[in-house]
């Protein structure tokens, strides 16, 4: 997905809402699904970028107990 077209503002908003929903439900997702979502997210931009994987993992860790709606 490294060559995805530019997203419209509406599409970015949809992805932001979906992402927020996933983070809010993260602890309740089965571990295999968590791993697959993490793998897909890390590969979405540049799977060769270890900093991206680290940033995603850090974000999930920092927000693992979030329960408030975005």
Protein backbone atom coordinates (compact mmCIF):
# COMPACT_ATOMS: atom_id res chain seq x y z
CA UNK A 1 0.00 0.00 0.00
CA UNK A 2 2.99 2.30 -0.29
CA UNK A 3 1.66 3.85 -3.52
CA UNK A 4 -1.89 4.56 -2.35
CA UNK A 5 -3.57 7.58 -3.91
CA UNK A 6 -4.12 10.71 -1.86
CA UNK A 7 -7.12 10.36 0.38
CA UNK A 8 -9.87 12.93 0.54
CA UNK A 9 -10.60 14.64 3.85
CA UNK A 10 -13.71 12.49 4.24
CA UNK A 11 -11.71 9.30 3.65
CA UNK A 12 -9.06 10.38 6.18
CA UNK A 13 -11.84 11.05 8.70
CA UNK A 14 -13.32 7.58 8.10
CA UNK A 15 -9.91 5.95 8.60
CA UNK A 16 -9.32 8.01 11.74
CA UNK A 17 -12.66 6.89 13.17
CA UNK A 18 -12.01 3.25 12.27
CA UNK A 19 -8.53 3.43 13.79
CA UNK A 20 -9.89 4.95 16.98
CA UNK A 21 -12.50 2.22 17.22
CA UNK A 22 -9.84 -0.47 16.82
CA UNK A 23 -7.65 1.08 19.53
CA UNK A 24 -10.60 1.35 21.91
CA UNK A 25 -11.39 -2.36 21.40
CA UNK A 26 -7.76 -3.55 21.22
CA UNK A 27 -7.68 -5.37 24.57
CA UNK A 28 -10.84 -7.29 23.70
CA UNK A 29 -9.57 -8.51 20.33
CA UNK A 30 -8.14 -12.02 20.09
CA UNK A 31 -4.33 -11.99 20.11
CA UNK A 32 -4.06 -13.51 16.61
CA UNK A 33 -6.22 -10.65 15.28
CA UNK A 34 -4.12 -8.09 17.18
CA UNK A 35 -0.98 -9.52 15.57
CA UNK A 36 -2.50 -9.48 12.10
CA UNK A 37 -3.75 -5.91 12.47
CA UNK A 38 -0.33 -4.84 13.74
CA UNK A 39 1.37 -6.58 10.83
CA UNK A 40 -0.94 -4.93 8.32
CA UNK A 41 -0.56 -1.50 9.91
CA UNK A 42 3.23 -1.74 9.92
CA UNK A 43 3.22 -2.84 6.28
CA UNK A 44 0.74 -0.18 5.18
CA UNK A 45 3.40 2.46 4.51
CA UNK A 46 6.82 0.87 4.48
CA UNK A 47 7.40 -2.56 5.91
CA UNK A 48 11.15 -1.91 5.90
CA UNK A 49 10.81 0.95 8.39
CA UNK A 50 11.49 -0.39 11.90
CA UNK A 51 10.69 3.04 13.34
CA UNK A 52 7.10 2.70 12.11
CA UNK A 53 6.67 -0.66 13.84
CA UNK A 54 8.13 0.82 17.01
CA UNK A 55 5.84 3.86 16.81
CA UNK A 56 2.76 1.66 16.30
CA UNK A 57 3.72 -0.63 19.17
CA UNK A 58 4.39 2.36 21.45
CA UNK A 59 1.06 3.95 20.52
CA UNK A 60 -0.85 0.75 21.23
CA UNK A 61 0.94 0.33 24.54
CA UNK A 62 0.26 3.92 25.61
CA UNK A 63 -3.42 3.66 24.67
CA UNK A 64 -4.09 0.06 25.70
CA UNK A 65 -6.39 1.08 28.53
CA UNK A 66 -8.24 3.86 26.72
CA UNK A 67 -11.98 3.50 27.11
CA UNK A 68 -13.27 6.99 26.33
CA UNK A 69 -14.75 7.69 22.93
CA UNK A 70 -12.47 9.79 20.71
